[in-house]
């Protein structure tokens, strides 16, 4: 098996995928806020702007947590749970993939790209 490096389009995809996920979930929150009264609350007042929904979405996706804005309707809370799990799963898979690529490169190169082992020098007293 040849050593594999990440191609530029793979890197772009891995960077843009969480952004697309966040905007998609923000659109779902925005639609919910338009259809359900008081579906999203910000400081106990209804939030209706798209910028608020984007903030809510990325705070959920990255698992930062809520302090000032939260989904109030049960349907949007379910979406928030799905988004939080998706964010953690994506991060876990991304890290696993990067570690796998690095491990494959180190194993296939015979450890040449890894730190060289230092020889232990002993003195026998002779």
PDB file of N, CA and C in Angstrom:
ATOM      1  N   UNK A   1       0.848  -1.182   0.000  1.00  0.00           N
ATOM      2  CA  UNK A   1       0.000   0.000   0.000  1.00  0.00           C
ATOM      3  C   UNK A   1       0.894   1.246   0.000  1.00  0.00           C
ATOM      4  N   UNK A   2       0.615   2.150  -0.875  1.00  0.00           N
ATOM      5  CA  UNK A   2       1.390   3.374  -0.983  1.00  0.00           C
ATOM      6  C   UNK A   2       0.971   4.369   0.083  1.00  0.00           C
ATOM      7  N   UNK A   3       1.916   5.201   0.551  1.00  0.00           N
ATOM      8  CA  UNK A   3       1.532   6.235   1.507  1.00  0.00           C
ATOM      9  C   UNK A   3       0.532   7.192   0.871  1.00  0.00           C
ATOM     10  N   UNK A   4      -0.434   7.593   1.635  1.00  0.00           N
ATOM     11  CA  UNK A   4      -1.497   8.429   1.093  1.00  0.00           C
ATOM     12  C   UNK A   4      -1.497   9.765   1.804  1.00  0.00           C
ATOM     13  N   UNK A   5      -1.583  10.828   1.042  1.00  0.00           N
ATOM     14  CA  UNK A   5      -1.717  12.160   1.619  1.00  0.00           C
ATOM     15  C   UNK A   5      -3.087  12.700   1.238  1.00  0.00           C
ATOM     16  N   UNK A   6      -3.536  13.662   1.992  1.00  0.00           N
ATOM     17  CA  UNK A   6      -4.838  14.263   1.712  1.00  0.00           C
ATOM     18  C   UNK A   6      -4.733  15.150   0.474  1.00  0.00           C
ATOM     19  N   UNK A   7      -5.650  14.957  -0.441  1.00  0.00           N
ATOM     20  CA  UNK A   7      -5.689  15.763  -1.651  1.00  0.00           C
ATOM     21  C   UNK A   7      -6.320  17.117  -1.336  1.00  0.00           C
ATOM     22  N   UNK A   8      -6.017  18.157  -2.132  1.00  0.00           N
ATOM     23  CA  UNK A   8      -6.576  19.489  -1.862  1.00  0.00           C
ATOM     24  C   UNK A   8      -8.102  19.508  -1.814  1.00  0.00           C
ATOM     25  N   UNK A   9      -8.770  18.760  -2.677  1.00  0.00           N
ATOM     26  CA  UNK A   9     -10.232  18.773  -2.665  1.00  0.00           C
ATOM     27  C   UNK A   9     -10.761  18.085  -1.415  1.00  0.00           C
ATOM     28  N   UNK A  10     -10.008  17.111  -0.869  1.00  0.00           N
ATOM     29  CA  UNK A  10     -10.435  16.466   0.373  1.00  0.00           C
ATOM     30  C   UNK A  10     -10.349  17.439   1.543  1.00  0.00           C
ATOM     31  N   UNK A  11      -9.287  18.220   1.564  1.00  0.00           N
ATOM     32  CA  UNK A  11      -9.125  19.221   2.623  1.00  0.00           C
ATOM     33  C   UNK A  11     -10.234  20.262   2.530  1.00  0.00           C
ATOM     34  N   UNK A  12     -10.522  20.713   1.319  1.00  0.00           N
ATOM     35  CA  UNK A  12     -11.586  21.706   1.130  1.00  0.00           C
ATOM     36  C   UNK A  12     -12.935  21.144   1.559  1.00  0.00           C
ATOM     37  N   UNK A  13     -13.179  19.880   1.241  1.00  0.00           N
ATOM     38  CA  UNK A  13     -14.433  19.250   1.640  1.00  0.00           C
ATOM     39  C   UNK A  13     -14.542  19.135   3.157  1.00  0.00           C
ATOM     40  N   UNK A  14     -13.452  18.769   3.801  1.00  0.00           N
ATOM     41  CA  UNK A  14     -13.466  18.601   5.254  1.00  0.00           C
ATOM     42  C   UNK A  14     -13.616  19.923   5.983  1.00  0.00           C
ATOM     43  N   UNK A  15     -13.197  21.000   5.346  1.00  0.00           N
ATOM     44  CA  UNK A  15     -13.367  22.321   5.952  1.00  0.00           C
ATOM     45  C   UNK A  15     -14.768  22.854   5.691  1.00  0.00           C
ATOM     46  N   UNK A  16     -15.270  22.638   4.482  1.00  0.00           N
ATOM     47  CA  UNK A  16     -16.559  23.229   4.126  1.00  0.00           C
ATOM     48  C   UNK A  16     -17.756  22.428   4.638  1.00  0.00           C
ATOM     49  N   UNK A  17     -17.580  21.146   4.906  1.00  0.00           N
ATOM     50  CA  UNK A  17     -18.706  20.336   5.357  1.00  0.00           C
ATOM     51  C   UNK A  17     -19.322  20.831   6.670  1.00  0.00           C
ATOM     52  N   UNK A  18     -18.526  21.138   7.708  1.00  0.00           N
ATOM     53  CA  UNK A  18     -19.156  21.663   8.927  1.00  0.00           C
ATOM     54  C   UNK A  18     -19.853  23.006   8.713  1.00  0.00           C
ATOM     55  N   UNK A  19     -19.310  23.826   7.813  1.00  0.00           N
ATOM     56  CA  UNK A  19     -19.950  25.115   7.525  1.00  0.00           C
ATOM     57  C   UNK A  19     -21.311  24.888   6.868  1.00  0.00           C
ATOM     58  N   UNK A  20     -21.349  23.958   5.912  1.00  0.00           N
ATOM     59  CA  UNK A  20     -22.621  23.641   5.253  1.00  0.00           C
ATOM     60  C   UNK A  20     -23.616  23.042   6.236  1.00  0.00           C
ATOM     61  N   UNK A  21     -23.114  22.185   7.133  1.00  0.00           N
ATOM     62  CA  UNK A  21     -24.001  21.605   8.152  1.00  0.00           C
ATOM     63  C   UNK A  21     -24.585  22.701   9.036  1.00  0.00           C
ATOM     64  N   UNK A  22     -23.737  23.633   9.460  1.00  0.00           N
ATOM     65  CA  UNK A  22     -24.197  24.708  10.337  1.00  0.00           C
ATOM     66  C   UNK A  22     -25.240  25.593   9.679  1.00  0.00           C
ATOM     67  N   UNK A  23     -25.023  25.937   8.419  1.00  0.00           N
ATOM     68  CA  UNK A  23     -25.981  26.793   7.709  1.00  0.00           C
ATOM     69  C   UNK A  23     -27.292  26.039   7.453  1.00  0.00           C
ATOM     70  N   UNK A  24     -27.199  24.744   7.159  1.00  0.00           N
ATOM     71  CA  UNK A  24     -28.405  23.944   6.937  1.00  0.00           C
ATOM     72  C   UNK A  24     -29.246  23.872   8.210  1.00  0.00           C
ATOM     73  N   UNK A  25     -28.601  23.590   9.328  1.00  0.00           N
ATOM     74  CA  UNK A  25     -29.341  23.545  10.593  1.00  0.00           C
ATOM     75  C   UNK A  25     -29.872  24.927  10.972  1.00  0.00           C
ATOM     76  N   UNK A  26     -29.115  25.994  10.667  1.00  0.00           N
ATOM     77  CA  UNK A  26     -29.599  27.352  10.940  1.00  0.00           C
ATOM     78  C   UNK A  26     -30.857  27.641  10.142  1.00  0.00           C
ATOM     79  N   UNK A  27     -30.910  27.150   8.916  1.00  0.00           N
ATOM     80  CA  UNK A  27     -32.112  27.330   8.099  1.00  0.00           C
ATOM     81  C   UNK A  27     -33.301  26.595   8.706  1.00  0.00           C
ATOM     82  N   UNK A  28     -33.051  25.423   9.269  1.00  0.00           N
ATOM     83  CA  UNK A  28     -34.131  24.679   9.930  1.00  0.00           C
ATOM     84  C   UNK A  28     -34.631  25.434  11.158  1.00  0.00           C
ATOM     85  N   UNK A  29     -33.716  25.995  11.936  1.00  0.00           N
ATOM     86  CA  UNK A  29     -34.135  26.797  13.095  1.00  0.00           C
ATOM     87  C   UNK A  29     -34.921  28.027  12.656  1.00  0.00           C
ATOM     88  N   UNK A  30     -34.460  28.668  11.586  1.00  0.00           N
ATOM     89  CA  UNK A  30     -35.138  29.864  11.089  1.00  0.00           C
ATOM     90  C   UNK A  30     -36.552  29.532  10.618  1.00  0.00           C
ATOM     91  N   UNK A  31     -36.687  28.435   9.896  1.00  0.00           N
ATOM     92  CA  UNK A  31     -38.008  28.006   9.443  1.00  0.00           C
ATOM     93  C   UNK A  31     -38.910  27.684  10.632  1.00  0.00           C
ATOM     94  N   UNK A  32     -38.355  27.008  11.633  1.00  0.00           N
ATOM     95  CA  UNK A  32     -39.125  26.707  12.841  1.00  0.00           C
ATOM     96  C   UNK A  32     -39.547  27.964  13.576  1.00  0.00           C
ATOM     97  N   UNK A  33     -38.652  28.960  13.620  1.00  0.00           N
ATOM     98  CA  UNK A  33     -38.981  30.216  14.296  1.00  0.00           C
ATOM     99  C   UNK A  33     -40.074  30.981  13.560  1.00  0.00           C
ATOM    100  N   UNK A  34     -40.137  30.821  12.237  1.00  0.00           N
ATOM    101  CA  UNK A  34     -41.197  31.483  11.464  1.00  0.00           C
ATOM    102  C   UNK A  34     -42.545  30.780  11.646  1.00  0.00           C
ATOM    103  N   UNK A  35     -42.521  29.463  11.777  1.00  0.00           N
ATOM    104  CA  UNK A  35     -43.770  28.696  11.843  1.00  0.00           C
ATOM    105  C   UNK A  35     -44.328  28.546  13.259  1.00  0.00           C
ATOM    106  N   UNK A  36     -43.450  28.467  14.246  1.00  0.00           N
ATOM    107  CA  UNK A  36     -43.879  28.234  15.632  1.00  0.00           C
ATOM    108  C   UNK A  36     -43.569  29.477  16.451  1.00  0.00           C
ATOM    109  N   UNK A  37     -44.576  30.048  17.119  1.00  0.00           N
ATOM    110  CA  UNK A  37     -44.290  31.221  17.951  1.00  0.00           C
ATOM    111  C   UNK A  37     -43.415  30.847  19.146  1.00  0.00           C
ATOM    112  N   UNK A  38     -42.463  31.705  19.461  1.00  0.00           N
ATOM    113  CA  UNK A  38     -41.535  31.512  20.574  1.00  0.00           C
ATOM    114  C   UNK A  38     -40.755  30.201  20.466  1.00  0.00           C
ATOM    115  N   UNK A  39     -40.422  29.782  19.252  1.00  0.00           N
ATOM    116  CA  UNK A  39     -39.696  28.524  19.055  1.00  0.00           C
ATOM    117  C   UNK A  39     -38.242  28.639  19.508  1.00  0.00           C
ATOM    118  N   UNK A  40     -37.651  29.809  19.333  1.00  0.00           N
ATOM    119  CA  UNK A  40     -36.275  30.065  19.768  1.00  0.00           C
ATOM    120  C   UNK A  40     -36.297  31.304  20.638  1.00  0.00           C
ATOM    121  N   UNK A  41     -35.734  31.175  21.833  1.00  0.00           N
ATOM    122  CA  UNK A  41     -35.718  32.302  22.764  1.00  0.00           C
ATOM    123  C   UNK A  41     -34.290  32.776  22.980  1.00  0.00           C
ATOM    124  N   UNK A  42     -34.134  34.092  22.938  1.00  0.00           N
ATOM    125  CA  UNK A  42     -32.848  34.709  23.241  1.00  0.00           C
ATOM    126  C   UNK A  42     -33.077  35.681  24.383  1.00  0.00           C
ATOM    127  N   UNK A  43     -32.486  35.390  25.527  1.00  0.00           N
ATOM    128  CA  UNK A  43     -32.712  36.167  26.755  1.00  0.00           C
ATOM    129  C   UNK A  43     -34.209  36.276  27.049  1.00  0.00           C
ATOM    130  N   UNK A  44     -34.917  35.160  26.918  1.00  0.00           N
ATOM    131  CA  UNK A  44     -36.360  35.029  27.176  1.00  0.00           C
ATOM    132  C   UNK A  44     -37.233  35.882  26.259  1.00  0.00           C
ATOM    133  N   UNK A  45     -36.704  36.295  25.136  1.00  0.00           N
ATOM    134  CA  UNK A  45     -37.476  37.011  24.114  1.00  0.00           C
ATOM    135  C   UNK A  45     -37.363  36.227  22.812  1.00  0.00           C
ATOM    136  N   UNK A  46     -38.407  36.227  22.003  1.00  0.00           N
ATOM    137  CA  UNK A  46     -38.338  35.464  20.751  1.00  0.00           C
ATOM    138  C   UNK A  46     -37.218  35.961  19.833  1.00  0.00           C
ATOM    139  N   UNK A  47     -36.470  35.022  19.291  1.00  0.00           N
ATOM    140  CA  UNK A  47     -35.413  35.347  18.322  1.00  0.00           C
ATOM    141  C   UNK A  47     -35.943  35.016  16.937  1.00  0.00           C
ATOM    142  N   UNK A  48     -35.851  35.964  16.027  1.00  0.00           N
ATOM    143  CA  UNK A  48     -36.408  35.753  14.693  1.00  0.00           C
ATOM    144  C   UNK A  48     -35.450  36.089  13.567  1.00  0.00           C
ATOM    145  N   UNK A  49     -34.222  36.515  13.878  1.00  0.00           N
ATOM    146  CA  UNK A  49     -33.281  36.894  12.831  1.00  0.00           C
ATOM    147  C   UNK A  49     -32.404  35.708  12.440  1.00  0.00           C
ATOM    148  N   UNK A  50     -32.013  35.655  11.185  1.00  0.00           N
ATOM    149  CA  UNK A  50     -31.176  34.565  10.685  1.00  0.00           C
ATOM    150  C   UNK A  50     -29.815  34.549  11.369  1.00  0.00           C
ATOM    151  N   UNK A  51     -29.283  35.721  11.702  1.00  0.00           N
ATOM    152  CA  UNK A  51     -27.987  35.753  12.382  1.00  0.00           C
ATOM    153  C   UNK A  51     -28.058  35.070  13.743  1.00  0.00           C
ATOM    154  N   UNK A  52     -29.188  35.220  14.426  1.00  0.00           N
ATOM    155  CA  UNK A  52     -29.378  34.520  15.701  1.00  0.00           C
ATOM    156  C   UNK A  52     -29.425  33.013  15.496  1.00  0.00           C
ATOM    157  N   UNK A  53     -30.049  32.579  14.413  1.00  0.00           N
ATOM    158  CA  UNK A  53     -30.145  31.142  14.141  1.00  0.00           C
ATOM    159  C   UNK A  53     -28.785  30.555  13.754  1.00  0.00           C
ATOM    160  N   UNK A  54     -27.977  31.342  13.041  1.00  0.00           N
ATOM    161  CA  UNK A  54     -26.626  30.884  12.696  1.00  0.00           C
ATOM    162  C   UNK A  54     -25.796  30.746  13.971  1.00  0.00           C
ATOM    163  N   UNK A  55     -25.916  31.707  14.865  1.00  0.00           N
ATOM    164  CA  UNK A  55     -25.209  31.630  16.147  1.00  0.00           C
ATOM    165  C   UNK A  55     -25.659  30.396  16.933  1.00  0.00           C
ATOM    166  N   UNK A  56     -26.953  30.176  17.000  1.00  0.00           N
ATOM    167  CA  UNK A  56     -27.500  29.007  17.695  1.00  0.00           C
ATOM    168  C   UNK A  56     -26.978  27.726  17.070  1.00  0.00           C
ATOM    169  N   UNK A  57     -26.960  27.678  15.746  1.00  0.00           N
ATOM    170  CA  UNK A  57     -26.540  26.476  15.040  1.00  0.00           C
ATOM    171  C   UNK A  57     -25.075  26.150  15.303  1.00  0.00           C
ATOM    172  N   UNK A  58     -24.197  27.120  15.169  1.00  0.00           N
ATOM    173  CA  UNK A  58     -22.783  26.831  15.370  1.00  0.00           C
ATOM    174  C   UNK A  58     -22.443  26.623  16.841  1.00  0.00           C
ATOM    175  N   UNK A  59     -23.178  27.240  17.748  1.00  0.00           N
ATOM    176  CA  UNK A  59     -22.979  26.949  19.170  1.00  0.00           C
ATOM    177  C   UNK A  59     -23.384  25.513  19.479  1.00  0.00           C
ATOM    178  N   UNK A  60     -24.385  25.001  18.788  1.00  0.00           N
ATOM    179  CA  UNK A  60     -24.815  23.621  18.978  1.00  0.00           C
ATOM    180  C   UNK A  60     -23.873  22.658  18.278  1.00  0.00           C
ATOM    181  N   UNK A  61     -23.491  22.968  17.059  1.00  0.00           N
ATOM    182  CA  UNK A  61     -22.628  22.090  16.267  1.00  0.00           C
ATOM    183  C   UNK A  61     -21.274  21.880  16.937  1.00  0.00           C
ATOM    184  N   UNK A  62     -20.732  22.919  17.528  1.00  0.00           N
ATOM    185  CA  UNK A  62     -19.431  22.830  18.187  1.00  0.00           C
ATOM    186  C   UNK A  62     -19.554  22.474  19.666  1.00  0.00           C
ATOM    187  N   UNK A  63     -20.765  22.296  20.143  1.00  0.00           N
ATOM    188  CA  UNK A  63     -21.038  21.960  21.541  1.00  0.00           C
ATOM    189  C   UNK A  63     -20.497  22.988  22.522  1.00  0.00           C
ATOM    190  N   UNK A  64     -20.584  24.253  22.144  1.00  0.00           N
ATOM    191  CA  UNK A  64     -20.209  25.319  23.060  1.00  0.00           C
ATOM    192  C   UNK A  64     -21.234  25.475  24.164  1.00  0.00           C
ATOM    193  N   UNK A  65     -22.466  25.173  23.854  1.00  0.00           N
ATOM    194  CA  UNK A  65     -23.527  25.299  24.838  1.00  0.00           C
ATOM    195  C   UNK A  65     -24.243  26.623  24.698  1.00  0.00           C
ATOM    196  N   UNK A  66     -25.350  26.700  25.386  1.00  0.00           N
ATOM    197  CA  UNK A  66     -26.185  27.893  25.302  1.00  0.00           C
ATOM    198  C   UNK A  66     -26.057  28.666  26.604  1.00  0.00           C
ATOM    199  N   UNK A  67     -26.066  29.950  26.483  1.00  0.00           N
ATOM    200  CA  UNK A  67     -26.123  30.794  27.659  1.00  0.00           C
ATOM    201  C   UNK A  67     -27.196  31.844  27.472  1.00  0.00           C
ATOM    202  N   UNK A  68     -27.386  32.229  26.228  1.00  0.00           N
ATOM    203  CA  UNK A  68     -28.302  33.321  25.952  1.00  0.00           C
ATOM    204  C   UNK A  68     -29.387  32.959  24.949  1.00  0.00           C
ATOM    205  N   UNK A  69     -29.203  31.895  24.182  1.00  0.00           N
ATOM    206  CA  UNK A  69     -30.181  31.526  23.168  1.00  0.00           C
ATOM    207  C   UNK A  69     -30.423  30.026  23.250  1.00  0.00           C
ATOM    208  N   UNK A  70     -31.672  29.630  23.038  1.00  0.00           N
ATOM    209  CA  UNK A  70     -31.996  28.210  23.149  1.00  0.00           C
ATOM    210  C   UNK A  70     -33.255  27.902  22.347  1.00  0.00           C
ATOM    211  N   UNK A  71     -33.338  26.661  21.844  1.00  0.00           N
ATOM    212  CA  UNK A  71     -34.584  26.245  21.191  1.00  0.00           C
ATOM    213  C   UNK A  71     -35.638  25.972  22.260  1.00  0.00           C
ATOM    214  N   UNK A  72     -36.835  26.469  22.045  1.00  0.00           N
ATOM    215  CA  UNK A  72     -37.901  26.337  23.035  1.00  0.00           C
ATOM    216  C   UNK A  72     -38.940  25.309  22.606  1.00  0.00           C
ATOM    217  N   UNK A  73     -39.122  25.105  21.327  1.00  0.00           N
ATOM    218  CA  UNK A  73     -40.090  24.138  20.820  1.00  0.00           C
ATOM    219  C   UNK A  73     -39.455  22.747  20.805  1.00  0.00           C
ATOM    220  N   UNK A  74     -40.264  21.731  21.068  1.00  0.00           N
ATOM    221  CA  UNK A  74     -39.729  20.374  21.150  1.00  0.00           C
ATOM    222  C   UNK A  74     -39.135  19.907  19.818  1.00  0.00           C
ATOM    223  N   UNK A  75     -39.722  20.311  18.701  1.00  0.00           N
ATOM    224  CA  UNK A  75     -39.182  19.917  17.394  1.00  0.00           C
ATOM    225  C   UNK A  75     -37.790  20.504  17.191  1.00  0.00           C
ATOM    226  N   UNK A  76     -37.592  21.736  17.587  1.00  0.00           N
ATOM    227  CA  UNK A  76     -36.282  22.361  17.424  1.00  0.00           C
ATOM    228  C   UNK A  76     -35.268  21.825  18.426  1.00  0.00           C
ATOM    229  N   UNK A  77     -35.732  21.420  19.599  1.00  0.00           N
ATOM    230  CA  UNK A  77     -34.817  20.769  20.544  1.00  0.00           C
ATOM    231  C   UNK A  77     -34.338  19.440  19.991  1.00  0.00           C
ATOM    232  N   UNK A  78     -35.214  18.726  19.306  1.00  0.00           N
ATOM    233  CA  UNK A  78     -34.810  17.465  18.662  1.00  0.00           C
ATOM    234  C   UNK A  78     -33.780  17.718  17.571  1.00  0.00           C
ATOM    235  N   UNK A  79     -33.991  18.766  16.793  1.00  0.00           N
ATOM    236  CA  UNK A  79     -33.023  19.134  15.763  1.00  0.00           C
ATOM    237  C   UNK A  79     -31.691  19.514  16.405  1.00  0.00           C
ATOM    238  N   UNK A  80     -31.741  20.216  17.529  1.00  0.00           N
ATOM    239  CA  UNK A  80     -30.516  20.607  18.233  1.00  0.00           C
ATOM    240  C   UNK A  80     -29.753  19.371  18.733  1.00  0.00           C
ATOM    241  N   UNK A  81     -30.471  18.372  19.220  1.00  0.00           N
ATOM    242  CA  UNK A  81     -29.800  17.139  19.648  1.00  0.00           C
ATOM    243  C   UNK A  81     -29.133  16.454  18.469  1.00  0.00           C
ATOM    244  N   UNK A  82     -29.830  16.384  17.353  1.00  0.00           N
ATOM    245  CA  UNK A  82     -29.264  15.777  16.151  1.00  0.00           C
ATOM    246  C   UNK A  82     -28.024  16.534  15.682  1.00  0.00           C
ATOM    247  N   UNK A  83     -28.086  17.846  15.750  1.00  0.00           N
ATOM    248  CA  UNK A  83     -26.949  18.661  15.328  1.00  0.00           C
ATOM    249  C   UNK A  83     -25.753  18.478  16.259  1.00  0.00           C
ATOM    250  N   UNK A  84     -25.989  18.431  17.556  1.00  0.00           N
ATOM    251  CA  UNK A  84     -24.898  18.225  18.507  1.00  0.00           C
ATOM    252  C   UNK A  84     -24.212  16.890  18.305  1.00  0.00           C
ATOM    253  N   UNK A  85     -25.008  15.847  18.091  1.00  0.00           N
ATOM    254  CA  UNK A  85     -24.436  14.515  17.839  1.00  0.00           C
ATOM    255  C   UNK A  85     -23.685  14.510  16.514  1.00  0.00           C
ATOM    256  N   UNK A  86     -24.228  15.158  15.505  1.00  0.00           N
ATOM    257  CA  UNK A  86     -23.564  15.223  14.197  1.00  0.00           C
ATOM    258  C   UNK A  86     -22.223  15.934  14.294  1.00  0.00           C
ATOM    259  N   UNK A  87     -22.174  17.006  15.058  1.00  0.00           N
ATOM    260  CA  UNK A  87     -20.926  17.750  15.225  1.00  0.00           C
ATOM    261  C   UNK A  87     -19.853  16.917  15.894  1.00  0.00           C
ATOM    262  N   UNK A  88     -20.219  16.199  16.942  1.00  0.00           N
ATOM    263  CA  UNK A  88     -19.248  15.349  17.629  1.00  0.00           C
ATOM    264  C   UNK A  88     -18.807  14.185  16.755  1.00  0.00           C
ATOM    265  N   UNK A  89     -19.744  13.587  16.041  1.00  0.00           N
ATOM    266  CA  UNK A  89     -19.414  12.469  15.162  1.00  0.00           C
ATOM    267  C   UNK A  89     -18.475  12.915  14.042  1.00  0.00           C
ATOM    268  N   UNK A  90     -18.739  14.067  13.462  1.00  0.00           N
ATOM    269  CA  UNK A  90     -17.873  14.581  12.399  1.00  0.00           C
ATOM    270  C   UNK A  90     -16.459  14.813  12.913  1.00  0.00           C
ATOM    271  N   UNK A  91     -16.344  15.432  14.081  1.00  0.00           N
ATOM    272  CA  UNK A  91     -15.023  15.707  14.648  1.00  0.00           C
ATOM    273  C   UNK A  91     -14.283  14.406  14.950  1.00  0.00           C
ATOM    274  N   UNK A  92     -14.991  13.425  15.493  1.00  0.00           N
ATOM    275  CA  UNK A  92     -14.374  12.135  15.801  1.00  0.00           C
ATOM    276  C   UNK A  92     -13.878  11.445  14.540  1.00  0.00           C
ATOM    277  N   UNK A  93     -14.699  11.425  13.502  1.00  0.00           N
ATOM    278  CA  UNK A  93     -14.299  10.785  12.250  1.00  0.00           C
ATOM    279  C   UNK A  93     -13.149  11.525  11.574  1.00  0.00           C
ATOM    280  N   UNK A  94     -13.143  12.832  11.651  1.00  0.00           N
ATOM    281  CA  UNK A  94     -12.069  13.623  11.055  1.00  0.00           C
ATOM    282  C   UNK A  94     -10.738  13.327  11.739  1.00  0.00           C
ATOM    283  N   UNK A  95     -10.728  13.322  13.063  1.00  0.00           N
ATOM    284  CA  UNK A  95      -9.496  13.038  13.799  1.00  0.00           C
ATOM    285  C   UNK A  95      -9.033  11.606  13.532  1.00  0.00           C
ATOM    286  N   UNK A  96      -9.968  10.652  13.511  1.00  0.00           N
ATOM    287  CA  UNK A  96      -9.608   9.261  13.232  1.00  0.00           C
ATOM    288  C   UNK A  96      -8.993   9.132  11.834  1.00  0.00           C
ATOM    289  N   UNK A  97      -9.543   9.829  10.867  1.00  0.00           N
ATOM    290  CA  UNK A  97      -9.023   9.778   9.496  1.00  0.00           C
ATOM    291  C   UNK A  97      -7.624  10.367   9.421  1.00  0.00           C
ATOM    292  N   UNK A  98      -7.408  11.496  10.070  1.00  0.00           N
ATOM    293  CA  UNK A  98      -6.084  12.118  10.043  1.00  0.00           C
ATOM    294  C   UNK A  98      -5.045  11.250  10.745  1.00  0.00           C
ATOM    295  N   UNK A  99      -5.399  10.652  11.860  1.00  0.00           N
ATOM    296  CA  UNK A  99      -4.482   9.754  12.560  1.00  0.00           C
ATOM    297  C   UNK A  99      -4.197   8.527  11.700  1.00  0.00           C
ATOM    298  N   UNK A 100      -5.221   8.005  11.018  1.00  0.00           N
ATOM    299  CA  UNK A 100      -5.025   6.860  10.137  1.00  0.00           C
ATOM    300  C   UNK A 100      -4.069   7.165   8.997  1.00  0.00           C
ATOM    301  N   UNK A 101      -4.214   8.333   8.384  1.00  0.00           N
ATOM    302  CA  UNK A 101      -3.312   8.724   7.291  1.00  0.00           C
ATOM    303  C   UNK A 101      -1.885   8.853   7.809  1.00  0.00           C
ATOM    304  N   UNK A 102      -1.723   9.493   8.966  1.00  0.00           N
ATOM    305  CA  UNK A 102      -0.385   9.670   9.533  1.00  0.00           C
ATOM    306  C   UNK A 102       0.243   8.320   9.889  1.00  0.00           C
ATOM    307  N   UNK A 103      -0.524   7.435  10.503  1.00  0.00           N
ATOM    308  CA  UNK A 103      -0.008   6.120  10.882  1.00  0.00           C
ATOM    309  C   UNK A 103       0.401   5.315   9.658  1.00  0.00           C
ATOM    310  N   UNK A 104      -0.394   5.373   8.603  1.00  0.00           N
ATOM    311  CA  UNK A 104      -0.064   4.665   7.377  1.00  0.00           C
ATOM    312  C   UNK A 104       1.225   5.203   6.774  1.00  0.00           C
ATOM    313  N   UNK A 105       1.408   6.493   6.791  1.00  0.00           N
ATOM    314  CA  UNK A 105       2.629   7.078   6.241  1.00  0.00           C
ATOM    315  C   UNK A 105       3.851   6.662   7.042  1.00  0.00           C
ATOM    316  N   UNK A 106       3.736   6.657   8.365  1.00  0.00           N
ATOM    317  CA  UNK A 106       4.865   6.280   9.213  1.00  0.00           C
ATOM    318  C   UNK A 106       5.205   4.806   9.026  1.00  0.00           C
ATOM    319  N   UNK A 107       4.199   3.945   8.981  1.00  0.00           N
ATOM    320  CA  UNK A 107       4.440   2.506   8.822  1.00  0.00           C
ATOM    321  C   UNK A 107       5.024   2.185   7.458  1.00  0.00           C
ATOM    322  N   UNK A 108       4.546   2.821   6.403  1.00  0.00           N
ATOM    323  CA  UNK A 108       5.028   2.537   5.052  1.00  0.00           C
ATOM    324  C   UNK A 108       6.402   3.108   4.778  1.00  0.00           C
ATOM    325  N   UNK A 109       6.793   4.123   5.517  1.00  0.00           N
ATOM    326  CA  UNK A 109       8.120   4.691   5.302  1.00  0.00           C
ATOM    327  C   UNK A 109       9.154   4.020   6.192  1.00  0.00           C
ATOM    328  N   UNK A 110       8.751   3.028   6.949  1.00  0.00           N
ATOM    329  CA  UNK A 110       9.685   2.343   7.835  1.00  0.00           C
ATOM    330  C   UNK A 110      10.082   3.184   9.028  1.00  0.00           C
ATOM    331  N   UNK A 111       9.290   4.173   9.335  1.00  0.00           N
ATOM    332  CA  UNK A 111       9.576   5.032  10.477  1.00  0.00           C
ATOM    333  C   UNK A 111      10.566   6.130  10.168  1.00  0.00           C
ATOM    334  N   UNK A 112      10.950   6.294   8.883  1.00  0.00           N
ATOM    335  CA  UNK A 112      11.945   7.307   8.514  1.00  0.00           C
ATOM    336  C   UNK A 112      11.459   8.720   8.784  1.00  0.00           C
ATOM    337  N   UNK A 113      10.163   8.924   8.648  1.00  0.00           N
ATOM    338  CA  UNK A 113       9.619  10.263   8.882  1.00  0.00           C
ATOM    339  C   UNK A 113       9.343  10.521  10.351  1.00  0.00           C
ATOM    340  N   UNK A 114       9.487   9.499  11.139  1.00  0.00           N
ATOM    341  CA  UNK A 114       9.221   9.635  12.568  1.00  0.00           C
ATOM    342  C   UNK A 114      10.527   9.984  13.276  1.00  0.00           C
ATOM    343  N   UNK A 115      10.453  10.328  14.527  1.00  0.00           N
ATOM    344  CA  UNK A 115      11.654  10.658  15.279  1.00  0.00           C
ATOM    345  C   UNK A 115      12.603   9.468  15.297  1.00  0.00           C
ATOM    346  N   UNK A 116      13.856   9.775  15.174  1.00  0.00           N
ATOM    347  CA  UNK A 116      14.849   8.700  15.227  1.00  0.00           C
ATOM    348  C   UNK A 116      15.030   8.246  16.675  1.00  0.00           C
ATOM    349  N   UNK A 117      15.210   6.947  16.805  1.00  0.00           N
ATOM    350  CA  UNK A 117      15.442   6.405  18.141  1.00  0.00           C
ATOM    351  C   UNK A 117      16.864   6.754  18.561  1.00  0.00           C
ATOM    352  N   UNK A 118      16.998   7.141  19.790  1.00  0.00           N
ATOM    353  CA  UNK A 118      18.325   7.472  20.296  1.00  0.00           C
ATOM    354  C   UNK A 118      18.960   6.226  20.901  1.00  0.00           C
ATOM    355  N   UNK A 119      20.216   6.062  20.635  1.00  0.00           N
ATOM    356  CA  UNK A 119      20.939   4.924  21.189  1.00  0.00           C
ATOM    357  C   UNK A 119      21.322   5.226  22.621  1.00  0.00           C
ATOM    358  N   UNK A 120      21.156   4.229  23.451  1.00  0.00           N
ATOM    359  CA  UNK A 120      21.512   4.353  24.849  1.00  0.00           C
ATOM    360  C   UNK A 120      22.993   4.017  24.978  1.00  0.00           C
ATOM    361  N   UNK A 121      23.751   4.921  25.482  1.00  0.00           N
ATOM    362  CA  UNK A 121      25.179   4.708  25.639  1.00  0.00           C
ATOM    363  C   UNK A 121      25.440   4.294  27.078  1.00  0.00           C
ATOM    364  N   UNK A 122      26.099   3.159  27.230  1.00  0.00           N
ATOM    365  CA  UNK A 122      26.429   2.689  28.579  1.00  0.00           C
ATOM    366  C   UNK A 122      27.950   2.638  28.729  1.00  0.00           C
ATOM    367  N   UNK A 123      28.373   2.879  29.885  1.00  0.00           N
ATOM    368  CA  UNK A 123      29.792   2.817  30.184  1.00  0.00           C
ATOM    369  C   UNK A 123      30.016   1.628  31.110  1.00  0.00           C
ATOM    370  N   UNK A 124      30.928   0.759  30.686  1.00  0.00           N
ATOM    371  CA  UNK A 124      31.140  -0.456  31.456  1.00  0.00           C
ATOM    372  C   UNK A 124      32.229  -0.309  32.508  1.00  0.00           C
ATOM    373  N   UNK A 125      32.937   0.752  32.534  1.00  0.00           N
ATOM    374  CA  UNK A 125      33.964   0.957  33.551  1.00  0.00           C
ATOM    375  C   UNK A 125      35.315   0.378  33.161  1.00  0.00           C
ATOM    376  N   UNK A 126      35.468  -0.164  31.979  1.00  0.00           N
ATOM    377  CA  UNK A 126      36.765  -0.694  31.535  1.00  0.00           C
ATOM    378  C   UNK A 126      37.564   0.363  30.859  1.00  0.00           C
TER     379      UNK A 126
END
